[in-house]
Amino acid sequence: MSSDSLQLALGPVLFYWTRERYADFYREAADWPVEIVTLGESVCSRRRDMKLDDWLGIGRELAQSGKQVVLASQTLIESEADLRDLRKLCDNGEFTVEANDQSALQRLAAAGLPFVAGAALNLYNPAAIGVMARAGMRRWQAPVEMSRDDLARLLADCAAEGLDAPCEVFAYGHLPLAWSSRCFTARRHQKPKDRCQFVCQKYPEGLALRSQESKEVFTLNGIQTLSGACQDLRHEVSDMAAMGVAVARLSPRAEGMAEVVAAFDAARRGELPTADPLALVEAEVCDGYWHGRPGMDNTRLTAG
């Protein structure tokens, strides 16, 4: 597979933005060189500014612009209200759903609906991928900590067993690492989770958590813990395509996302510039997991 055949996908916005910010972001994204856009609230059910109908409206506009639209389910289901919202999402009747937990998977499989398997489902072997494919999976995301070599072996094993569901790799953004029933951002502001006053909206790119040595180790995003640095695999897209990866996922950021998309689009066309276009985005970068090293490592910096 040539790298120019690799598709680019915008993942769901992981942070809590205002309605206006979502609308502006996706209005711009309609003209970006991405083939797939995943919409929806995948982190916290208390973020209620956007309803399902709002996401569907944005999805229809993006579909008219030629984008393939996917709706992401919530990763951590905590209540009956969450389940009711999940049922509505799965039964939307218009767009494919990305299943990010077993509740969504069960609902979609039972209804005979095609779905995308999110990285949180932790698919590590051909047997699990085969089960998902028979249940209706149309694409799957590799776990974010899976290395290039492990993924290459997994894709080869899948091909040997006749499993051809496309694979998607998290190629850019703060890596989603964990979810908790507790809200770290609310705790930072000394507020209970059920009366958080939506303080996470003050941090459109998350809340940095630093070590005693002032190194940004994690990014707190409500109940979600992300990596402190942004994974950046734009220099690896040719390898991804060669091993059979079909889609590179770019996780939205509040600022500089157009430049990020342009850089990855150039990379898949073999036109990486000498200068670093992502220097416009203020964040440390990492690629450690991809190279079988600690996730926070930047192997290009080490090699330099």
C-alpha atoms as a PDB file:
ATOM      1  CA  MET A   1       0.000   0.000   0.000  1.00  0.00           C
ATOM      2  CA  SER A   2       1.424   3.415  -0.956  1.00  0.00           C
ATOM      3  CA  SER A   3       1.393   6.170   1.647  1.00  0.00           C
ATOM      4  CA  ASP A   4      -0.840   8.394  -0.495  1.00  0.00           C
ATOM      5  CA  SER A   5      -3.567   5.768  -0.105  1.00  0.00           C
ATOM      6  CA  LEU A   6      -3.494   6.238   3.687  1.00  0.00           C
ATOM      7  CA  GLN A   7      -6.635   8.018   4.836  1.00  0.00           C
ATOM      8  CA  LEU A   8      -6.632  10.754   7.460  1.00  0.00           C
ATOM      9  CA  ALA A   9      -9.286  10.863  10.173  1.00  0.00           C
ATOM     10  CA  LEU A  10     -10.155  13.512  12.725  1.00  0.00           C
ATOM     11  CA  GLY A  11     -10.903  11.850  16.035  1.00  0.00           C
ATOM     12  CA  PRO A  12     -13.591  13.196  18.367  1.00  0.00           C
ATOM     13  CA  VAL A  13     -12.759  16.333  20.321  1.00  0.00           C
ATOM     14  CA  LEU A  14     -11.644  14.976  23.685  1.00  0.00           C
ATOM     15  CA  PHE A  15     -11.818  18.300  25.530  1.00  0.00           C
ATOM     16  CA  TYR A  16     -14.854  20.325  26.595  1.00  0.00           C
ATOM     17  CA  TRP A  17     -15.437  23.211  24.222  1.00  0.00           C
ATOM     18  CA  THR A  18     -18.286  25.672  23.795  1.00  0.00           C
ATOM     19  CA  ARG A  19     -20.975  25.138  21.167  1.00  0.00           C
ATOM     20  CA  GLU A  20     -19.561  28.040  19.186  1.00  0.00           C
ATOM     21  CA  ARG A  21     -16.069  26.561  19.219  1.00  0.00           C
ATOM     22  CA  TYR A  22     -17.324  23.188  17.981  1.00  0.00           C
ATOM     23  CA  ALA A  23     -19.276  24.871  15.179  1.00  0.00           C
ATOM     24  CA  ASP A  24     -16.311  26.990  14.082  1.00  0.00           C
ATOM     25  CA  PHE A  25     -13.913  24.052  14.236  1.00  0.00           C
ATOM     26  CA  TYR A  26     -16.007  21.734  12.075  1.00  0.00           C
ATOM     27  CA  ARG A  27     -16.883  24.516   9.653  1.00  0.00           C
ATOM     28  CA  GLU A  28     -13.144  24.843   8.994  1.00  0.00           C
ATOM     29  CA  ALA A  29     -12.595  21.072   9.025  1.00  0.00           C
ATOM     30  CA  ALA A  30     -15.031  20.651   6.142  1.00  0.00           C
ATOM     31  CA  ASP A  31     -12.315  22.042   3.852  1.00  0.00           C
ATOM     32  CA  TRP A  32      -9.379  20.104   5.323  1.00  0.00           C
ATOM     33  CA  PRO A  33      -7.826  17.130   3.491  1.00  0.00           C
ATOM     34  CA  VAL A  34      -9.251  14.482   5.822  1.00  0.00           C
ATOM     35  CA  GLU A  35     -11.500  11.686   4.649  1.00  0.00           C
ATOM     36  CA  ILE A  36     -13.091  10.684   7.981  1.00  0.00           C
ATOM     37  CA  VAL A  37     -14.452  12.809  10.834  1.00  0.00           C
ATOM     38  CA  THR A  38     -15.504  11.287  14.151  1.00  0.00           C
ATOM     39  CA  LEU A  39     -17.935  13.357  16.195  1.00  0.00           C
ATOM     40  CA  GLY A  40     -19.429  13.222  19.664  1.00  0.00           C
ATOM     41  CA  GLU A  41     -18.700  13.277  23.370  1.00  0.00           C
ATOM     42  CA  SER A  42     -16.568  10.260  24.267  1.00  0.00           C
ATOM     43  CA  VAL A  43     -15.325  11.371  27.708  1.00  0.00           C
ATOM     44  CA  CYS A  44     -17.974  12.703  30.117  1.00  0.00           C
ATOM     45  CA  SER A  45     -21.770  12.607  30.048  1.00  0.00           C
ATOM     46  CA  ARG A  46     -21.971  15.807  32.104  1.00  0.00           C
ATOM     47  CA  ARG A  47     -20.769  17.786  29.097  1.00  0.00           C
ATOM     48  CA  ARG A  48     -24.263  18.509  27.868  1.00  0.00           C
ATOM     49  CA  ASP A  49     -23.846  21.585  25.671  1.00  0.00           C
ATOM     50  CA  MET A  50     -24.033  19.405  22.565  1.00  0.00           C
ATOM     51  CA  LYS A  51     -27.000  17.068  22.143  1.00  0.00           C
ATOM     52  CA  LEU A  52     -27.212  14.157  19.721  1.00  0.00           C
ATOM     53  CA  ASP A  53     -29.254  16.285  17.313  1.00  0.00           C
ATOM     54  CA  ASP A  54     -26.465  18.883  17.323  1.00  0.00           C
ATOM     55  CA  TRP A  55     -23.877  16.255  16.392  1.00  0.00           C
ATOM     56  CA  LEU A  56     -26.159  14.869  13.717  1.00  0.00           C
ATOM     57  CA  GLY A  57     -26.567  18.351  12.244  1.00  0.00           C
ATOM     58  CA  ILE A  58     -22.799  18.853  12.071  1.00  0.00           C
ATOM     59  CA  GLY A  59     -22.447  15.353  10.651  1.00  0.00           C
ATOM     60  CA  ARG A  60     -24.866  16.054   7.835  1.00  0.00           C
ATOM     61  CA  GLU A  61     -22.989  19.207   6.877  1.00  0.00           C
ATOM     62  CA  LEU A  62     -19.675  17.335   6.857  1.00  0.00           C
ATOM     63  CA  ALA A  63     -21.195  14.503   4.828  1.00  0.00           C
ATOM     64  CA  GLN A  64     -22.302  17.045   2.230  1.00  0.00           C
ATOM     65  CA  SER A  65     -18.662  18.131   2.051  1.00  0.00           C
ATOM     66  CA  GLY A  66     -17.656  14.583   1.166  1.00  0.00           C
ATOM     67  CA  LYS A  67     -16.506  13.415   4.605  1.00  0.00           C
ATOM     68  CA  GLN A  68     -17.215   9.980   6.029  1.00  0.00           C
ATOM     69  CA  VAL A  69     -18.856  10.700   9.393  1.00  0.00           C
ATOM     70  CA  VAL A  70     -18.646   8.483  12.473  1.00  0.00           C
ATOM     71  CA  LEU A  71     -20.301   9.066  15.865  1.00  0.00           C
ATOM     72  CA  ALA A  72     -18.188   8.152  18.913  1.00  0.00           C
ATOM     73  CA  SER A  73     -19.757   6.513  21.948  1.00  0.00           C
ATOM     74  CA  GLN A  74     -18.806   7.351  25.511  1.00  0.00           C
ATOM     75  CA  THR A  75     -15.862   5.323  26.826  1.00  0.00           C
ATOM     76  CA  LEU A  76     -16.977   5.000  30.451  1.00  0.00           C
ATOM     77  CA  ILE A  77     -20.678   4.272  31.039  1.00  0.00           C
ATOM     78  CA  GLU A  78     -21.642   5.057  34.634  1.00  0.00           C
ATOM     79  CA  SER A  79     -25.439   5.297  34.886  1.00  0.00           C
ATOM     80  CA  GLU A  80     -28.780   4.348  33.399  1.00  0.00           C
ATOM     81  CA  ALA A  81     -28.954   7.832  31.882  1.00  0.00           C
ATOM     82  CA  ASP A  82     -25.669   7.109  30.093  1.00  0.00           C
ATOM     83  CA  LEU A  83     -27.178   3.891  28.754  1.00  0.00           C
ATOM     84  CA  ARG A  84     -30.272   5.722  27.487  1.00  0.00           C
ATOM     85  CA  ASP A  85     -28.094   8.200  25.633  1.00  0.00           C
ATOM     86  CA  LEU A  86     -25.998   5.344  24.253  1.00  0.00           C
ATOM     87  CA  ARG A  87     -29.090   3.593  22.883  1.00  0.00           C
ATOM     88  CA  LYS A  88     -30.146   6.768  21.090  1.00  0.00           C
ATOM     89  CA  LEU A  89     -26.655   7.146  19.647  1.00  0.00           C
ATOM     90  CA  CYS A  90     -26.512   3.562  18.395  1.00  0.00           C
ATOM     91  CA  ASP A  91     -29.998   3.860  16.907  1.00  0.00           C
ATOM     92  CA  ASN A  92     -29.313   7.190  15.147  1.00  0.00           C
ATOM     93  CA  GLY A  93     -30.103   5.654  11.746  1.00  0.00           C
ATOM     94  CA  GLU A  94     -27.664   7.839   9.783  1.00  0.00           C
ATOM     95  CA  PHE A  95     -24.039   7.368  10.742  1.00  0.00           C
ATOM     96  CA  THR A  96     -21.772   4.505  11.778  1.00  0.00           C
ATOM     97  CA  VAL A  97     -20.947   4.433  15.486  1.00  0.00           C
ATOM     98  CA  GLU A  98     -17.507   4.017  17.036  1.00  0.00           C
ATOM     99  CA  ALA A  99     -17.927   1.591  19.935  1.00  0.00           C
ATOM    100  CA  ASN A 100     -15.684   2.593  22.815  1.00  0.00           C
ATOM    101  CA  ASP A 101     -16.999   0.200  25.457  1.00  0.00           C
ATOM    102  CA  GLN A 102     -18.744  -3.154  25.707  1.00  0.00           C
ATOM    103  CA  SER A 103     -22.201  -1.592  26.152  1.00  0.00           C
ATOM    104  CA  ALA A 104     -22.019   0.034  22.735  1.00  0.00           C
ATOM    105  CA  LEU A 105     -20.540  -3.107  21.227  1.00  0.00           C
ATOM    106  CA  GLN A 106     -23.361  -5.269  22.556  1.00  0.00           C
ATOM    107  CA  ARG A 107     -26.063  -2.859  21.392  1.00  0.00           C
ATOM    108  CA  LEU A 108     -24.647  -2.516  17.878  1.00  0.00           C
ATOM    109  CA  ALA A 109     -23.908  -6.203  17.418  1.00  0.00           C
ATOM    110  CA  ALA A 110     -27.356  -7.228  18.642  1.00  0.00           C
ATOM    111  CA  ALA A 111     -28.960  -4.828  16.161  1.00  0.00           C
ATOM    112  CA  GLY A 112     -26.794  -6.095  13.302  1.00  0.00           C
ATOM    113  CA  LEU A 113     -25.301  -2.632  12.751  1.00  0.00           C
ATOM    114  CA  PRO A 114     -21.799  -2.048  11.374  1.00  0.00           C
ATOM    115  CA  PHE A 115     -19.421  -0.297  13.748  1.00  0.00           C
ATOM    116  CA  VAL A 116     -15.889   0.963  14.277  1.00  0.00           C
ATOM    117  CA  ALA A 117     -14.002  -0.609  17.199  1.00  0.00           C
ATOM    118  CA  GLY A 118     -12.348   2.069  19.319  1.00  0.00           C
ATOM    119  CA  ALA A 119      -8.867   1.732  20.813  1.00  0.00           C
ATOM    120  CA  ALA A 120     -10.319   1.349  24.334  1.00  0.00           C
ATOM    121  CA  LEU A 121     -11.672  -2.086  23.342  1.00  0.00           C
ATOM    122  CA  ASN A 122      -8.064  -3.321  23.459  1.00  0.00           C
ATOM    123  CA  LEU A 123      -7.773  -5.580  20.414  1.00  0.00           C
ATOM    124  CA  TYR A 124      -4.398  -7.299  20.593  1.00  0.00           C
ATOM    125  CA  ASN A 125      -4.759 -10.535  18.612  1.00  0.00           C
ATOM    126  CA  PRO A 126      -6.399 -12.025  15.491  1.00  0.00           C
ATOM    127  CA  ALA A 127      -8.873 -14.059  17.561  1.00  0.00           C
ATOM    128  CA  ALA A 128     -10.393 -10.924  19.129  1.00  0.00           C
ATOM    129  CA  ILE A 129     -10.361  -9.090  15.807  1.00  0.00           C
ATOM    130  CA  GLY A 130     -12.095 -12.056  14.174  1.00  0.00           C
ATOM    131  CA  VAL A 131     -14.831 -12.048  16.817  1.00  0.00           C
ATOM    132  CA  MET A 132     -15.383  -8.327  16.246  1.00  0.00           C
ATOM    133  CA  ALA A 133     -15.421  -8.698  12.465  1.00  0.00           C
ATOM    134  CA  ARG A 134     -18.112 -11.387  12.682  1.00  0.00           C
ATOM    135  CA  ALA A 135     -20.106  -9.088  14.985  1.00  0.00           C
ATOM    136  CA  GLY A 136     -20.127  -6.313  12.356  1.00  0.00           C
ATOM    137  CA  MET A 137     -16.859  -4.426  12.819  1.00  0.00           C
ATOM    138  CA  ARG A 138     -15.813  -2.459   9.732  1.00  0.00           C
ATOM    139  CA  ARG A 139     -12.621  -0.858  11.086  1.00  0.00           C
ATOM    140  CA  TRP A 140     -10.580  -1.176  14.271  1.00  0.00           C
ATOM    141  CA  GLN A 141      -8.157   1.044  16.139  1.00  0.00           C
ATOM    142  CA  ALA A 142      -4.901  -0.300  17.438  1.00  0.00           C
ATOM    143  CA  PRO A 143      -4.290   0.187  21.194  1.00  0.00           C
ATOM    144  CA  VAL A 144      -2.355   3.426  21.617  1.00  0.00           C
ATOM    145  CA  GLU A 145       0.581   1.716  23.374  1.00  0.00           C
ATOM    146  CA  MET A 146       1.078  -0.916  20.648  1.00  0.00           C
ATOM    147  CA  SER A 147       4.465  -0.687  18.955  1.00  0.00           C
ATOM    148  CA  ARG A 148       5.108  -0.634  15.222  1.00  0.00           C
ATOM    149  CA  ASP A 149       6.688  -4.098  15.309  1.00  0.00           C
ATOM    150  CA  ASP A 150       3.843  -5.649  17.301  1.00  0.00           C
ATOM    151  CA  LEU A 151       1.266  -4.075  15.026  1.00  0.00           C
ATOM    152  CA  ALA A 152       3.094  -5.263  11.912  1.00  0.00           C
ATOM    153  CA  ARG A 153       3.037  -8.845  13.235  1.00  0.00           C
ATOM    154  CA  LEU A 154      -0.633  -8.541  14.169  1.00  0.00           C
ATOM    155  CA  LEU A 155      -1.599  -7.221  10.736  1.00  0.00           C
ATOM    156  CA  ALA A 156       0.389 -10.003   9.056  1.00  0.00           C
ATOM    157  CA  ASP A 157      -1.350 -12.608  11.229  1.00  0.00           C
ATOM    158  CA  CYS A 158      -4.744 -11.097  10.404  1.00  0.00           C
ATOM    159  CA  ALA A 159      -3.969 -11.185   6.696  1.00  0.00           C
ATOM    160  CA  ALA A 160      -2.904 -14.840   6.971  1.00  0.00           C
ATOM    161  CA  GLU A 161      -6.264 -15.647   8.563  1.00  0.00           C
ATOM    162  CA  GLY A 162      -8.233 -13.723   5.948  1.00  0.00           C
ATOM    163  CA  LEU A 163      -9.234 -10.873   8.253  1.00  0.00           C
ATOM    164  CA  ASP A 164      -9.294  -7.706   6.172  1.00  0.00           C
ATOM    165  CA  ALA A 165     -10.930  -5.144   8.501  1.00  0.00           C
ATOM    166  CA  PRO A 166      -8.962  -1.868   8.059  1.00  0.00           C
ATOM    167  CA  CYS A 167      -6.740  -0.736  10.930  1.00  0.00           C
ATOM    168  CA  GLU A 168      -6.551   2.823  12.283  1.00  0.00           C
ATOM    169  CA  VAL A 169      -3.590   4.199  14.251  1.00  0.00           C
ATOM    170  CA  PHE A 170      -3.604   7.138  16.662  1.00  0.00           C
ATOM    171  CA  ALA A 171      -1.029   9.276  14.855  1.00  0.00           C
ATOM    172  CA  TYR A 172      -1.307  12.709  16.469  1.00  0.00           C
ATOM    173  CA  GLY A 173      -2.462  14.211  19.749  1.00  0.00           C
ATOM    174  CA  HIS A 174      -2.393  13.671  23.501  1.00  0.00           C
ATOM    175  CA  LEU A 175      -2.682   9.896  23.946  1.00  0.00           C
ATOM    176  CA  PRO A 176      -5.816   8.722  25.819  1.00  0.00           C
ATOM    177  CA  LEU A 177      -4.392   6.552  28.602  1.00  0.00           C
ATOM    178  CA  ALA A 178      -7.055   6.001  31.274  1.00  0.00           C
ATOM    179  CA  TRP A 179     -10.553   6.882  32.497  1.00  0.00           C
ATOM    180  CA  SER A 180     -11.813   7.070  36.062  1.00  0.00           C
ATOM    181  CA  SER A 181     -15.140   7.444  37.838  1.00  0.00           C
ATOM    182  CA  ARG A 182     -13.557  10.444  39.595  1.00  0.00           C
ATOM    183  CA  CYS A 183     -13.084  13.826  37.937  1.00  0.00           C
ATOM    184  CA  PHE A 184      -9.529  15.049  38.369  1.00  0.00           C
ATOM    185  CA  THR A 185     -10.232  18.525  37.019  1.00  0.00           C
ATOM    186  CA  ALA A 186     -13.105  19.072  39.471  1.00  0.00           C
ATOM    187  CA  ARG A 187     -10.910  17.825  42.304  1.00  0.00           C
ATOM    188  CA  ARG A 188      -8.210  20.290  41.272  1.00  0.00           C
ATOM    189  CA  HIS A 189     -10.788  23.050  41.823  1.00  0.00           C
ATOM    190  CA  GLN A 190     -12.050  21.445  45.064  1.00  0.00           C
ATOM    191  CA  LYS A 191     -15.494  20.713  43.632  1.00  0.00           C
ATOM    192  CA  PRO A 192     -17.478  17.457  43.787  1.00  0.00           C
ATOM    193  CA  LYS A 193     -17.931  15.663  40.493  1.00  0.00           C
ATOM    194  CA  ASP A 194     -21.729  16.043  40.442  1.00  0.00           C
ATOM    195  CA  ARG A 195     -21.425  19.799  41.075  1.00  0.00           C
ATOM    196  CA  CYS A 196     -18.315  20.465  39.040  1.00  0.00           C
ATOM    197  CA  GLN A 197     -19.628  23.672  37.415  1.00  0.00           C
ATOM    198  CA  PHE A 198     -17.972  22.359  34.230  1.00  0.00           C
ATOM    199  CA  VAL A 199     -14.552  23.692  35.209  1.00  0.00           C
ATOM    200  CA  CYS A 200     -12.907  21.532  32.522  1.00  0.00           C
ATOM    201  CA  GLN A 201     -14.257  24.003  29.945  1.00  0.00           C
ATOM    202  CA  LYS A 202     -11.605  26.409  31.227  1.00  0.00           C
ATOM    203  CA  TYR A 203      -8.981  24.098  29.711  1.00  0.00           C
ATOM    204  CA  PRO A 204      -9.667  23.656  25.974  1.00  0.00           C
ATOM    205  CA  GLU A 205      -6.499  21.559  25.660  1.00  0.00           C
ATOM    206  CA  GLY A 206      -6.588  19.953  29.112  1.00  0.00           C
ATOM    207  CA  LEU A 207      -4.874  20.660  32.419  1.00  0.00           C
ATOM    208  CA  ALA A 208      -1.138  19.940  32.554  1.00  0.00           C
ATOM    209  CA  LEU A 209       0.091  17.717  35.381  1.00  0.00           C
ATOM    210  CA  ARG A 210       3.805  18.202  36.009  1.00  0.00           C
ATOM    211  CA  SER A 211       6.348  16.232  37.970  1.00  0.00           C
ATOM    212  CA  GLN A 212       8.511  17.723  40.725  1.00  0.00           C
ATOM    213  CA  GLU A 213      11.094  18.317  37.994  1.00  0.00           C
ATOM    214  CA  SER A 214       8.478  20.428  36.115  1.00  0.00           C
ATOM    215  CA  LYS A 215       8.164  17.888  33.309  1.00  0.00           C
ATOM    216  CA  GLU A 216       4.664  17.703  31.844  1.00  0.00           C
ATOM    217  CA  VAL A 217       3.878  14.040  32.481  1.00  0.00           C
ATOM    218  CA  PHE A 218       0.116  13.884  31.968  1.00  0.00           C
ATOM    219  CA  THR A 219      -2.764  16.000  30.729  1.00  0.00           C
ATOM    220  CA  LEU A 220      -5.903  15.883  32.871  1.00  0.00           C
ATOM    221  CA  ASN A 221      -9.217  16.123  31.046  1.00  0.00           C
ATOM    222  CA  GLY A 222     -12.045  15.629  33.511  1.00  0.00           C
ATOM    223  CA  ILE A 223     -12.265  11.880  34.161  1.00  0.00           C
ATOM    224  CA  GLN A 224      -9.716  11.153  31.440  1.00  0.00           C
ATOM    225  CA  THR A 225      -5.931  11.021  31.765  1.00  0.00           C
ATOM    226  CA  LEU A 226      -3.942  11.792  28.613  1.00  0.00           C
ATOM    227  CA  SER A 227      -0.239  11.872  27.872  1.00  0.00           C
ATOM    228  CA  GLY A 228       1.567  15.112  28.640  1.00  0.00           C
ATOM    229  CA  ALA A 229       3.224  15.224  25.214  1.00  0.00           C
ATOM    230  CA  CYS A 230       1.491  14.932  21.850  1.00  0.00           C
ATOM    231  CA  GLN A 231       2.171  11.786  19.865  1.00  0.00           C
ATOM    232  CA  ASP A 232       3.479  12.795  16.436  1.00  0.00           C
ATOM    233  CA  LEU A 233       3.868  10.024  13.847  1.00  0.00           C
ATOM    234  CA  ARG A 234       3.848  12.079  10.652  1.00  0.00           C
ATOM    235  CA  HIS A 235       7.343  10.799   9.821  1.00  0.00           C
ATOM    236  CA  GLU A 236       6.032   7.227  10.099  1.00  0.00           C
ATOM    237  CA  VAL A 237       3.143   7.358   7.616  1.00  0.00           C
ATOM    238  CA  SER A 238       5.049   5.574   4.847  1.00  0.00           C
ATOM    239  CA  ASP A 239       5.848   2.714   7.247  1.00  0.00           C
ATOM    240  CA  MET A 240       2.211   2.622   8.355  1.00  0.00           C
ATOM    241  CA  ALA A 241       0.990   2.292   4.797  1.00  0.00           C
ATOM    242  CA  ALA A 242       3.615  -0.330   3.960  1.00  0.00           C
ATOM    243  CA  MET A 243       2.547  -2.568   6.851  1.00  0.00           C
ATOM    244  CA  GLY A 244      -1.142  -2.228   5.926  1.00  0.00           C
ATOM    245  CA  VAL A 245      -2.483   0.529   8.178  1.00  0.00           C
ATOM    246  CA  ALA A 246      -5.455   2.136   6.447  1.00  0.00           C
ATOM    247  CA  VAL A 247      -6.172   5.242   8.551  1.00  0.00           C
ATOM    248  CA  ALA A 248      -4.116   7.696  10.612  1.00  0.00           C
ATOM    249  CA  ARG A 249      -6.134   9.387  13.360  1.00  0.00           C
ATOM    250  CA  LEU A 250      -5.455  13.010  14.286  1.00  0.00           C
ATOM    251  CA  SER A 251      -6.888  14.095  17.622  1.00  0.00           C
ATOM    252  CA  PRO A 252      -8.257  17.665  17.506  1.00  0.00           C
ATOM    253  CA  ARG A 253      -6.569  20.498  19.360  1.00  0.00           C
ATOM    254  CA  ALA A 254      -7.958  23.946  20.055  1.00  0.00           C
ATOM    255  CA  GLU A 255      -5.214  25.758  18.142  1.00  0.00           C
ATOM    256  CA  GLY A 256      -3.082  24.926  15.115  1.00  0.00           C
ATOM    257  CA  MET A 257      -5.066  21.936  13.894  1.00  0.00           C
ATOM    258  CA  ALA A 258      -5.170  23.100  10.283  1.00  0.00           C
ATOM    259  CA  GLU A 259      -1.361  23.085  10.254  1.00  0.00           C
ATOM    260  CA  VAL A 260      -1.286  19.599  11.774  1.00  0.00           C
ATOM    261  CA  VAL A 261      -3.633  18.238   9.108  1.00  0.00           C
ATOM    262  CA  ALA A 262      -1.656  19.925   6.335  1.00  0.00           C
ATOM    263  CA  ALA A 263       1.592  18.392   7.665  1.00  0.00           C
ATOM    264  CA  PHE A 264       0.155  14.868   7.690  1.00  0.00           C
ATOM    265  CA  ASP A 265      -1.383  15.357   4.260  1.00  0.00           C
ATOM    266  CA  ALA A 266       2.031  16.417   2.948  1.00  0.00           C
ATOM    267  CA  ALA A 267       3.653  13.437   4.674  1.00  0.00           C
ATOM    268  CA  ARG A 268       1.372  10.891   3.029  1.00  0.00           C
ATOM    269  CA  ARG A 269       2.172  12.466  -0.342  1.00  0.00           C
ATOM    270  CA  GLY A 270       5.883  12.212   0.370  1.00  0.00           C
ATOM    271  CA  GLU A 271       6.280  15.981   0.659  1.00  0.00           C
ATOM    272  CA  LEU A 272       7.460  16.493   4.215  1.00  0.00           C
ATOM    273  CA  PRO A 273       9.108  19.927   4.371  1.00  0.00           C
ATOM    274  CA  THR A 274      12.547  20.425   5.864  1.00  0.00           C
ATOM    275  CA  ALA A 275      11.187  22.946   8.386  1.00  0.00           C
ATOM    276  CA  ASP A 276       8.945  21.717  11.177  1.00  0.00           C
ATOM    277  CA  PRO A 277       5.384  22.987  10.527  1.00  0.00           C
ATOM    278  CA  LEU A 278       4.123  21.610  13.826  1.00  0.00           C
ATOM    279  CA  ALA A 279       6.372  23.998  15.708  1.00  0.00           C
ATOM    280  CA  LEU A 280       3.359  26.299  15.400  1.00  0.00           C
ATOM    281  CA  VAL A 281       1.633  24.074  17.954  1.00  0.00           C
ATOM    282  CA  GLU A 282       3.059  24.639  21.431  1.00  0.00           C
ATOM    283  CA  ALA A 283       3.543  21.151  22.846  1.00  0.00           C
ATOM    284  CA  GLU A 284       6.245  18.600  23.398  1.00  0.00           C
ATOM    285  CA  VAL A 285       5.978  15.647  21.053  1.00  0.00           C
ATOM    286  CA  CYS A 286       6.519  11.940  21.620  1.00  0.00           C
ATOM    287  CA  ASP A 287       6.617   8.708  19.629  1.00  0.00           C
ATOM    288  CA  GLY A 288       7.982   6.269  22.196  1.00  0.00           C
ATOM    289  CA  TYR A 289       5.215   3.671  22.138  1.00  0.00           C
ATOM    290  CA  TRP A 290       5.464   3.350  18.356  1.00  0.00           C
ATOM    291  CA  HIS A 291       9.136   2.466  18.676  1.00  0.00           C
ATOM    292  CA  GLY A 292       8.703   0.056  21.591  1.00  0.00           C
ATOM    293  CA  ARG A 293      10.014   2.493  24.171  1.00  0.00           C
ATOM    294  CA  PRO A 294       8.437   4.468  27.055  1.00  0.00           C
ATOM    295  CA  GLY A 295       5.549   6.433  25.593  1.00  0.00           C
ATOM    296  CA  MET A 296       6.882   9.850  26.558  1.00  0.00           C
ATOM    297  CA  ASP A 297      10.144   9.339  24.590  1.00  0.00           C
ATOM    298  CA  ASN A 298      10.851  11.386  21.474  1.00  0.00           C
ATOM    299  CA  THR A 299      13.057   9.117  19.378  1.00  0.00           C
ATOM    300  CA  ARG A 300      13.714  11.732  16.720  1.00  0.00           C
ATOM    301  CA  LEU A 301      15.087  14.080  19.382  1.00  0.00           C
ATOM    302  CA  THR A 302      17.193  11.272  20.847  1.00  0.00           C
ATOM    303  CA  ALA A 303      18.523  10.344  17.403  1.00  0.00           C
ATOM    304  CA  GLY A 304      19.434  13.972  16.810  1.00  0.00           C
END
